[in-house]
PDB file of N, CA and C in Angstrom:
ATOM      1  N   LEU A   1       2.688  -2.935  12.280  1.00  0.00           N
ATOM      2  CA  LEU A   1       3.361  -3.628  11.187  1.00  0.00           C
ATOM      3  C   LEU A   1       2.659  -3.315   9.873  1.00  0.00           C
ATOM      4  N   THR A   2       3.425  -2.983   8.865  1.00  0.00           N
ATOM      5  CA  THR A   2       2.896  -2.740   7.531  1.00  0.00           C
ATOM      6  C   THR A   2       3.483  -3.769   6.592  1.00  0.00           C
ATOM      7  N   GLU A   3       2.615  -4.426   5.827  1.00  0.00           N
ATOM      8  CA  GLU A   3       3.086  -5.353   4.808  1.00  0.00           C
ATOM      9  C   GLU A   3       2.289  -5.156   3.538  1.00  0.00           C
ATOM     10  N   VAL A   4       2.946  -5.493   2.450  1.00  0.00           N
ATOM     11  CA  VAL A   4       2.282  -5.539   1.160  1.00  0.00           C
ATOM     12  C   VAL A   4       2.491  -6.953   0.634  1.00  0.00           C
ATOM     13  N   THR A   5       1.448  -7.527   0.071  1.00  0.00           N
ATOM     14  CA  THR A   5       1.545  -8.876  -0.490  1.00  0.00           C
ATOM     15  C   THR A   5       1.747  -8.754  -1.992  1.00  0.00           C
ATOM     16  N   ILE A   6       2.892  -9.237  -2.452  1.00  0.00           N
ATOM     17  CA  ILE A   6       3.266  -9.192  -3.861  1.00  0.00           C
ATOM     18  C   ILE A   6       3.449 -10.620  -4.339  1.00  0.00           C
ATOM     19  N   ASP A   7       2.704 -11.005  -5.346  1.00  0.00           N
ATOM     20  CA  ASP A   7       2.776 -12.382  -5.874  1.00  0.00           C
ATOM     21  C   ASP A   7       2.655 -13.407  -4.749  1.00  0.00           C
ATOM     22  N   ASP A   8       1.696 -13.182  -3.853  1.00  0.00           N
ATOM     23  CA  ASP A   8       1.399 -14.061  -2.727  1.00  0.00           C
ATOM     24  C   ASP A   8       2.513 -14.154  -1.690  1.00  0.00           C
ATOM     25  N   VAL A   9       3.466 -13.212  -1.722  1.00  0.00           N
ATOM     26  CA  VAL A   9       4.536 -13.159  -0.724  1.00  0.00           C
ATOM     27  C   VAL A   9       4.384 -11.857   0.067  1.00  0.00           C
ATOM     28  N   ALA A  10       4.271 -11.977   1.390  1.00  0.00           N
ATOM     29  CA  ALA A  10       4.136 -10.799   2.243  1.00  0.00           C
ATOM     30  C   ALA A  10       5.511 -10.187   2.493  1.00  0.00           C
ATOM     31  N   LEU A  11       5.640  -8.888   2.210  1.00  0.00           N
ATOM     32  CA  LEU A  11       6.884  -8.156   2.429  1.00  0.00           C
ATOM     33  C   LEU A  11       6.645  -7.012   3.398  1.00  0.00           C
ATOM     34  N   ARG A  12       7.615  -6.729   4.237  1.00  0.00           N
ATOM     35  CA  ARG A  12       7.533  -5.567   5.117  1.00  0.00           C
ATOM     36  C   ARG A  12       7.639  -4.315   4.239  1.00  0.00           C
ATOM     37  N   ALA A  13       6.843  -3.317   4.563  1.00  0.00           N
ATOM     38  CA  ALA A  13       6.823  -2.090   3.766  1.00  0.00           C
ATOM     39  C   ALA A  13       6.898  -0.870   4.676  1.00  0.00           C
ATOM     40  N   HIS A  14       7.527   0.173   4.180  1.00  0.00           N
ATOM     41  CA  HIS A  14       7.561   1.460   4.869  1.00  0.00           C
ATOM     42  C   HIS A  14       6.611   2.390   4.123  1.00  0.00           C
ATOM     43  N   VAL A  15       5.616   2.919   4.827  1.00  0.00           N
ATOM     44  CA  VAL A  15       4.642   3.821   4.212  1.00  0.00           C
ATOM     45  C   VAL A  15       5.259   5.210   4.142  1.00  0.00           C
ATOM     46  N   LEU A  16       5.376   5.739   2.927  1.00  0.00           N
ATOM     47  CA  LEU A  16       5.915   7.073   2.721  1.00  0.00           C
ATOM     48  C   LEU A  16       4.798   8.104   2.580  1.00  0.00           C
ATOM     49  N   ASP A  17       3.638   7.641   2.096  1.00  0.00           N
ATOM     50  CA  ASP A  17       2.489   8.517   1.932  1.00  0.00           C
ATOM     51  C   ASP A  17       1.236   7.649   1.937  1.00  0.00           C
ATOM     52  N   LEU A  18       0.157   8.188   2.494  1.00  0.00           N
ATOM     53  CA  LEU A  18      -1.108   7.469   2.561  1.00  0.00           C
ATOM     54  C   LEU A  18      -2.234   8.463   2.369  1.00  0.00           C
ATOM     55  N   SER A  19      -3.144   8.149   1.461  1.00  0.00           N
ATOM     56  CA  SER A  19      -4.321   8.981   1.246  1.00  0.00           C
ATOM     57  C   SER A  19      -5.526   8.071   1.060  1.00  0.00           C
ATOM     58  N   SER A  20      -6.679   8.658   0.879  1.00  0.00           N
ATOM     59  CA  SER A  20      -7.891   7.854   0.708  1.00  0.00           C
ATOM     60  C   SER A  20      -7.887   7.090  -0.611  1.00  0.00           C
ATOM     61  N   LEU A  21      -7.068   7.512  -1.563  1.00  0.00           N
ATOM     62  CA  LEU A  21      -7.049   6.872  -2.877  1.00  0.00           C
ATOM     63  C   LEU A  21      -5.883   5.917  -3.095  1.00  0.00           C
ATOM     64  N   GLY A  22      -4.822   6.040  -2.274  1.00  0.00           N
ATOM     65  CA  GLY A  22      -3.680   5.170  -2.495  1.00  0.00           C
ATOM     66  C   GLY A  22      -2.562   5.403  -1.517  1.00  0.00           C
ATOM     67  N   SER A  23      -1.403   4.815  -1.826  1.00  0.00           N
ATOM     68  CA  SER A  23      -0.267   4.883  -0.924  1.00  0.00           C
ATOM     69  C   SER A  23       1.040   4.773  -1.703  1.00  0.00           C
ATOM     70  N   LEU A  24       2.079   5.405  -1.166  1.00  0.00           N
ATOM     71  CA  LEU A  24       3.428   5.266  -1.681  1.00  0.00           C
ATOM     72  C   LEU A  24       4.217   4.485  -0.647  1.00  0.00           C
ATOM     73  N   LEU A  25       4.843   3.407  -1.077  1.00  0.00           N
ATOM     74  CA  LEU A  25       5.559   2.509  -0.171  1.00  0.00           C
ATOM     75  C   LEU A  25       6.994   2.313  -0.615  1.00  0.00           C
ATOM     76  N   HIS A  26       7.857   2.001   0.346  1.00  0.00           N
ATOM     77  CA  HIS A  26       9.208   1.540   0.040  1.00  0.00           C
ATOM     78  C   HIS A  26       9.299   0.097   0.514  1.00  0.00           C
ATOM     79  N   THR A  27       9.623  -0.803  -0.394  1.00  0.00           N
ATOM     80  CA  THR A  27       9.730  -2.217  -0.044  1.00  0.00           C
ATOM     81  C   THR A  27      11.070  -2.811  -0.452  1.00  0.00           C
ATOM     82  N   GLY A  28      11.784  -2.137  -1.340  1.00  0.00           N
ATOM     83  CA  GLY A  28      13.018  -2.702  -1.881  1.00  0.00           C
ATOM     84  C   GLY A  28      12.733  -3.679  -3.010  1.00  0.00           C
ATOM     85  N   SER A  29      11.452  -3.909  -3.284  1.00  0.00           N
ATOM     86  CA  SER A  29      11.028  -4.818  -4.349  1.00  0.00           C
ATOM     87  C   SER A  29      10.201  -4.034  -5.353  1.00  0.00           C
ATOM     88  N   GLU A  30      10.243  -4.439  -6.596  1.00  0.00           N
ATOM     89  CA  GLU A  30       9.492  -3.731  -7.624  1.00  0.00           C
ATOM     90  C   GLU A  30       8.577  -4.697  -8.373  1.00  0.00           C
ATOM     91  N   PRO A  31       7.309  -4.764  -7.962  1.00  0.00           N
ATOM     92  CA  PRO A  31       6.357  -5.636  -8.645  1.00  0.00           C
ATOM     93  C   PRO A  31       6.009  -5.080 -10.026  1.00  0.00           C
ATOM     94  N   ALA A  32       5.363  -5.882 -10.812  1.00  0.00           N
ATOM     95  CA  ALA A  32       4.969  -5.471 -12.155  1.00  0.00           C
ATOM     96  C   ALA A  32       3.921  -4.371 -12.100  1.00  0.00           C
ATOM     97  N   PHE A  33       4.095  -3.366 -12.960  1.00  0.00           N
ATOM     98  CA  PHE A  33       3.112  -2.296 -13.097  1.00  0.00           C
ATOM     99  C   PHE A  33       1.760  -2.910 -13.446  1.00  0.00           C
ATOM    100  N   GLY A  34       0.714  -2.468 -12.771  1.00  0.00           N
ATOM    101  CA  GLY A  34      -0.635  -2.965 -13.040  1.00  0.00           C
ATOM    102  C   GLY A  34      -1.026  -4.200 -12.263  1.00  0.00           C
ATOM    103  N   SER A  35      -0.082  -4.775 -11.505  1.00  0.00           N
ATOM    104  CA  SER A  35      -0.424  -5.986 -10.755  1.00  0.00           C
ATOM    105  C   SER A  35      -1.309  -5.648  -9.553  1.00  0.00           C
ATOM    106  N   ASP A  36      -2.131  -6.605  -9.166  1.00  0.00           N
ATOM    107  CA  ASP A  36      -3.019  -6.446  -8.020  1.00  0.00           C
ATOM    108  C   ASP A  36      -2.305  -6.911  -6.761  1.00  0.00           C
ATOM    109  N   GLU A  37      -2.392  -6.094  -5.706  1.00  0.00           N
ATOM    110  CA  GLU A  37      -1.697  -6.373  -4.456  1.00  0.00           C
ATOM    111  C   GLU A  37      -2.646  -6.183  -3.284  1.00  0.00           C
ATOM    112  N   ARG A  38      -2.179  -6.536  -2.090  1.00  0.00           N
ATOM    113  CA  ARG A  38      -2.921  -6.277  -0.851  1.00  0.00           C
ATOM    114  C   ARG A  38      -1.995  -5.532   0.101  1.00  0.00           C
ATOM    115  N   LEU A  39      -2.521  -4.504   0.743  1.00  0.00           N
ATOM    116  CA  LEU A  39      -1.768  -3.738   1.724  1.00  0.00           C
ATOM    117  C   LEU A  39      -2.386  -3.946   3.092  1.00  0.00           C
ATOM    118  N   ARG A  40      -1.561  -4.350   4.070  1.00  0.00           N
ATOM    119  CA  ARG A  40      -2.012  -4.496   5.460  1.00  0.00           C
ATOM    120  C   ARG A  40      -1.308  -3.438   6.292  1.00  0.00           C
ATOM    121  N   LEU A  41      -2.114  -2.640   6.989  1.00  0.00           N
ATOM    122  CA  LEU A  41      -1.574  -1.549   7.783  1.00  0.00           C
ATOM    123  C   LEU A  41      -2.357  -1.425   9.076  1.00  0.00           C
ATOM    124  N   ASN A  42      -1.677  -1.626  10.213  1.00  0.00           N
ATOM    125  CA  ASN A  42      -2.305  -1.507  11.532  1.00  0.00           C
ATOM    126  C   ASN A  42      -3.615  -2.286  11.644  1.00  0.00           C
ATOM    127  N   GLY A  43      -3.612  -3.523  11.166  1.00  0.00           N
ATOM    128  CA  GLY A  43      -4.789  -4.377  11.287  1.00  0.00           C
ATOM    129  C   GLY A  43      -5.839  -4.181  10.212  1.00  0.00           C
ATOM    130  N   ASN A  44      -5.620  -3.256   9.286  1.00  0.00           N
ATOM    131  CA  ASN A  44      -6.538  -3.025   8.173  1.00  0.00           C
ATOM    132  C   ASN A  44      -5.940  -3.624   6.902  1.00  0.00           C
ATOM    133  N   GLU A  45      -6.788  -4.011   5.974  1.00  0.00           N
ATOM    134  CA  GLU A  45      -6.301  -4.577   4.713  1.00  0.00           C
ATOM    135  C   GLU A  45      -7.095  -4.008   3.552  1.00  0.00           C
ATOM    136  N   TRP A  46      -6.373  -3.630   2.481  1.00  0.00           N
ATOM    137  CA  TRP A  46      -7.017  -3.084   1.286  1.00  0.00           C
ATOM    138  C   TRP A  46      -6.450  -3.734   0.038  1.00  0.00           C
ATOM    139  N   SER A  47      -7.307  -3.904  -0.934  1.00  0.00           N
ATOM    140  CA  SER A  47      -6.882  -4.351  -2.262  1.00  0.00           C
ATOM    141  C   SER A  47      -6.439  -3.127  -3.041  1.00  0.00           C
ATOM    142  N   ALA A  48      -5.372  -3.286  -3.807  1.00  0.00           N
ATOM    143  CA  ALA A  48      -4.825  -2.157  -4.544  1.00  0.00           C
ATOM    144  C   ALA A  48      -4.187  -2.631  -5.841  1.00  0.00           C
ATOM    145  N   ARG A  49      -3.914  -1.672  -6.709  1.00  0.00           N
ATOM    146  CA  ARG A  49      -3.235  -1.950  -7.976  1.00  0.00           C
ATOM    147  C   ARG A  49      -1.966  -1.102  -8.021  1.00  0.00           C
ATOM    148  N   VAL A  50      -0.873  -1.676  -8.517  1.00  0.00           N
ATOM    149  CA  VAL A  50       0.388  -0.959  -8.659  1.00  0.00           C
ATOM    150  C   VAL A  50       0.270  -0.001  -9.844  1.00  0.00           C
ATOM    151  N   VAL A  51       0.477   1.304  -9.559  1.00  0.00           N
ATOM    152  CA  VAL A  51       0.366   2.318 -10.606  1.00  0.00           C
ATOM    153  C   VAL A  51       1.685   3.045 -10.856  1.00  0.00           C
ATOM    154  N   TRP A  52       2.687   2.750 -10.022  1.00  0.00           N
ATOM    155  CA  TRP A  52       3.985   3.406 -10.166  1.00  0.00           C
ATOM    156  C   TRP A  52       5.044   2.526  -9.524  1.00  0.00           C
ATOM    157  N   VAL A  53       6.195   2.379 -10.176  1.00  0.00           N
ATOM    158  CA  VAL A  53       7.296   1.562  -9.647  1.00  0.00           C
ATOM    159  C   VAL A  53       8.615   2.239  -9.983  1.00  0.00           C
ATOM    160  N   GLY A  54       9.529   2.270  -9.020  1.00  0.00           N
ATOM    161  CA  GLY A  54      10.861   2.801  -9.286  1.00  0.00           C
ATOM    162  C   GLY A  54      11.684   2.954  -8.029  1.00  0.00           C
ATOM    163  N   GLY A  55      12.960   2.621  -8.089  1.00  0.00           N
ATOM    164  CA  GLY A  55      13.876   2.823  -6.980  1.00  0.00           C
ATOM    165  C   GLY A  55      13.496   2.099  -5.698  1.00  0.00           C
ATOM    166  N   GLY A  56      12.905   0.919  -5.809  1.00  0.00           N
ATOM    167  CA  GLY A  56      12.493   0.168  -4.621  1.00  0.00           C
ATOM    168  C   GLY A  56      11.206   0.691  -4.004  1.00  0.00           C
ATOM    169  N   ARG A  57      10.575   1.637  -4.674  1.00  0.00           N
ATOM    170  CA  ARG A  57       9.308   2.196  -4.201  1.00  0.00           C
ATOM    171  C   ARG A  57       8.188   1.784  -5.137  1.00  0.00           C
ATOM    172  N   LEU A  58       6.974   1.815  -4.605  1.00  0.00           N
ATOM    173  CA  LEU A  58       5.830   1.540  -5.459  1.00  0.00           C
ATOM    174  C   LEU A  58       4.635   2.364  -5.022  1.00  0.00           C
ATOM    175  N   GLY A  59       3.872   2.776  -5.998  1.00  0.00           N
ATOM    176  CA  GLY A  59       2.649   3.528  -5.753  1.00  0.00           C
ATOM    177  C   GLY A  59       1.461   2.615  -5.949  1.00  0.00           C
ATOM    178  N   LEU A  60       0.556   2.624  -4.979  1.00  0.00           N
ATOM    179  CA  LEU A  60      -0.640   1.807  -5.047  1.00  0.00           C
ATOM    180  C   LEU A  60      -1.872   2.687  -5.175  1.00  0.00           C
ATOM    181  N   GLU A  61      -2.816   2.251  -5.976  1.00  0.00           N
ATOM    182  CA  GLU A  61      -4.136   2.874  -6.053  1.00  0.00           C
ATOM    183  C   GLU A  61      -5.120   1.882  -5.457  1.00  0.00           C
ATOM    184  N   PHE A  62      -5.847   2.312  -4.421  1.00  0.00           N
ATOM    185  CA  PHE A  62      -6.802   1.423  -3.780  1.00  0.00           C
ATOM    186  C   PHE A  62      -7.981   1.139  -4.702  1.00  0.00           C
ATOM    187  N   MET A  63      -8.515  -0.075  -4.623  1.00  0.00           N
ATOM    188  CA  MET A  63      -9.660  -0.470  -5.442  1.00  0.00           C
ATOM    189  C   MET A  63     -10.920   0.308  -5.057  1.00  0.00           C
ATOM    190  N   SER A  64     -11.015   0.711  -3.789  1.00  0.00           N
ATOM    191  CA  SER A  64     -12.097   1.590  -3.344  1.00  0.00           C
ATOM    192  C   SER A  64     -11.492   2.573  -2.347  1.00  0.00           C
ATOM    193  N   SER A  65     -11.986   3.803  -2.366  1.00  0.00           N
ATOM    194  CA  SER A  65     -11.388   4.836  -1.512  1.00  0.00           C
ATOM    195  C   SER A  65     -11.660   4.558  -0.036  1.00  0.00           C
ATOM    196  N   ILE A  66     -10.760   5.048   0.781  1.00  0.00           N
ATOM    197  CA  ILE A  66     -10.855   4.886   2.226  1.00  0.00           C
ATOM    198  C   ILE A  66     -11.326   6.216   2.810  1.00  0.00           C
ATOM    199  N   PRO A  67     -12.356   6.213   3.647  1.00  0.00           N
ATOM    200  CA  PRO A  67     -12.834   7.466   4.237  1.00  0.00           C
ATOM    201  C   PRO A  67     -11.721   8.191   5.001  1.00  0.00           C
ATOM    202  N   SER A  68     -11.690   9.515   4.905  1.00  0.00           N
ATOM    203  CA  SER A  68     -10.622  10.305   5.521  1.00  0.00           C
ATOM    204  C   SER A  68     -10.568  10.130   7.041  1.00  0.00           C
ATOM    205  N   ASP A  69     -11.706   9.924   7.701  1.00  0.00           N
ATOM    206  CA  ASP A  69     -11.675   9.721   9.155  1.00  0.00           C
ATOM    207  C   ASP A  69     -10.984   8.403   9.519  1.00  0.00           C
ATOM    208  N   ARG A  70     -11.094   7.428   8.647  1.00  0.00           N
ATOM    209  CA  ARG A  70     -10.415   6.151   8.879  1.00  0.00           C
ATOM    210  C   ARG A  70      -8.909   6.309   8.682  1.00  0.00           C
ATOM    211  N   ILE A  71      -8.516   7.091   7.679  1.00  0.00           N
ATOM    212  CA  ILE A  71      -7.094   7.386   7.453  1.00  0.00           C
ATOM    213  C   ILE A  71      -6.521   8.077   8.687  1.00  0.00           C
ATOM    214  N   GLU A  72      -7.227   9.069   9.212  1.00  0.00           N
ATOM    215  CA  GLU A  72      -6.778   9.800  10.402  1.00  0.00           C
ATOM    216  C   GLU A  72      -6.584   8.852  11.579  1.00  0.00           C
ATOM    217  N   ALA A  73      -7.518   7.925  11.777  1.00  0.00           N
ATOM    218  CA  ALA A  73      -7.425   6.964  12.885  1.00  0.00           C
ATOM    219  C   ALA A  73      -6.213   6.063  12.718  1.00  0.00           C
ATOM    220  N   ILE A  74      -5.930   5.640  11.497  1.00  0.00           N
ATOM    221  CA  ILE A  74      -4.794   4.754  11.231  1.00  0.00           C
ATOM    222  C   ILE A  74      -3.478   5.494  11.457  1.00  0.00           C
ATOM    223  N   VAL A  75      -3.384   6.709  10.953  1.00  0.00           N
ATOM    224  CA  VAL A  75      -2.161   7.499  11.061  1.00  0.00           C
ATOM    225  C   VAL A  75      -1.876   7.873  12.513  1.00  0.00           C
ATOM    226  N   SER A  76      -2.919   8.091  13.303  1.00  0.00           N
ATOM    227  CA  SER A  76      -2.720   8.495  14.694  1.00  0.00           C
ATOM    228  C   SER A  76      -2.193   7.365  15.572  1.00  0.00           C
ATOM    229  N   LEU A  77      -2.279   6.117  15.093  1.00  0.00           N
ATOM    230  CA  LEU A  77      -1.731   4.989  15.845  1.00  0.00           C
ATOM    231  C   LEU A  77      -0.244   5.090  15.821  1.00  0.00           C
TER     232      LEU A  77
END
Protein backbone atom coordinates (compact mmCIF):
# COMPACT_ATOMS: atom_id res chain seq x y z
CA LEU A 1 0.00 0.00 0.00
CA THR A 2 1.26 3.46 -0.90
CA GLU A 3 -0.17 6.58 0.69
CA VAL A 4 0.72 10.21 0.83
CA THR A 5 -0.49 12.38 3.69
CA ILE A 6 -1.73 15.76 2.47
CA ASP A 7 -3.02 18.27 5.01
CA ASP A 8 -3.22 15.44 7.58
CA VAL A 9 -5.40 13.32 5.25
CA ALA A 10 -3.98 10.00 4.02
CA LEU A 11 -4.63 9.38 0.31
CA ARG A 12 -3.89 6.31 -1.77
CA ALA A 13 -1.13 7.07 -4.27
CA HIS A 14 0.27 5.39 -7.37
CA VAL A 15 4.07 5.65 -7.57
CA LEU A 16 5.12 6.59 -11.10
CA ASP A 17 8.79 7.13 -10.29
CA LEU A 18 10.99 6.68 -7.22
CA SER A 19 14.59 7.73 -6.66
CA SER A 20 16.83 8.44 -3.70
CA LEU A 21 15.93 12.14 -3.90
CA GLY A 22 12.19 12.04 -4.53
CA SER A 23 9.13 10.54 -6.14
CA LEU A 24 6.48 11.23 -8.76
CA LEU A 25 2.99 10.19 -7.66
CA HIS A 26 -0.52 10.14 -9.05
CA THR A 27 -3.15 10.85 -6.41
CA GLY A 28 -5.89 12.74 -8.24
CA SER A 29 -5.30 15.52 -5.70
CA GLU A 30 -3.11 18.57 -6.07
CA PRO A 31 -1.62 19.89 -2.83
CA ALA A 32 -0.07 23.33 -2.59
CA PHE A 33 3.39 23.73 -4.10
CA GLY A 34 5.99 23.79 -1.32
CA SER A 35 3.80 22.03 1.24
CA ASP A 36 5.34 19.41 3.52
CA GLU A 37 3.97 15.88 3.14
CA ARG A 38 4.65 12.31 4.27
CA LEU A 39 4.98 9.35 1.91
CA ARG A 40 4.35 5.79 3.15
CA LEU A 41 5.52 3.01 0.87
CA ASN A 42 5.76 -0.69 1.77
CA GLY A 43 6.07 0.02 5.49
CA ASN A 44 8.58 2.87 5.06
CA GLU A 45 7.81 6.54 5.69
CA TRP A 46 9.61 9.67 4.49
CA SER A 47 9.10 13.38 4.94
CA ALA A 48 8.98 15.27 1.67
CA ARG A 49 8.17 18.62 0.10
CA VAL A 50 5.92 19.13 -2.94
CA VAL A 51 8.07 20.52 -5.77
CA TRP A 52 5.77 19.90 -8.74
CA VAL A 53 1.98 19.69 -9.20
CA GLY A 54 -0.18 19.13 -12.27
CA GLY A 55 -2.81 16.86 -13.79
CA GLY A 56 -3.50 14.97 -10.56
CA ARG A 57 0.20 14.22 -10.19
CA LEU A 58 2.72 15.57 -7.75
CA GLY A 59 6.48 15.53 -7.46
CA LEU A 60 8.02 15.12 -4.03
CA GLU A 61 11.55 15.93 -2.91
CA PHE A 62 12.60 13.93 0.13
CA MET A 63 13.93 15.88 3.12
CA SER A 64 16.89 13.47 3.23
CA SER A 65 18.06 11.13 0.48
CA ILE A 66 17.30 7.43 0.62
CA PRO A 67 20.21 5.03 0.03
CA SER A 68 19.99 3.29 -3.37
CA ASP A 69 20.13 -0.20 -1.79
CA ARG A 70 17.04 0.66 0.23
CA ILE A 71 15.25 1.87 -2.92
CA GLU A 72 16.13 -1.44 -4.63
CA ALA A 73 14.73 -3.42 -1.67
CA ILE A 74 11.48 -1.43 -1.72
CA VAL A 75 11.01 -1.71 -5.49
CA SER A 76 11.69 -5.46 -5.46
CA LEU A 77 8.71 -6.01 -3.14
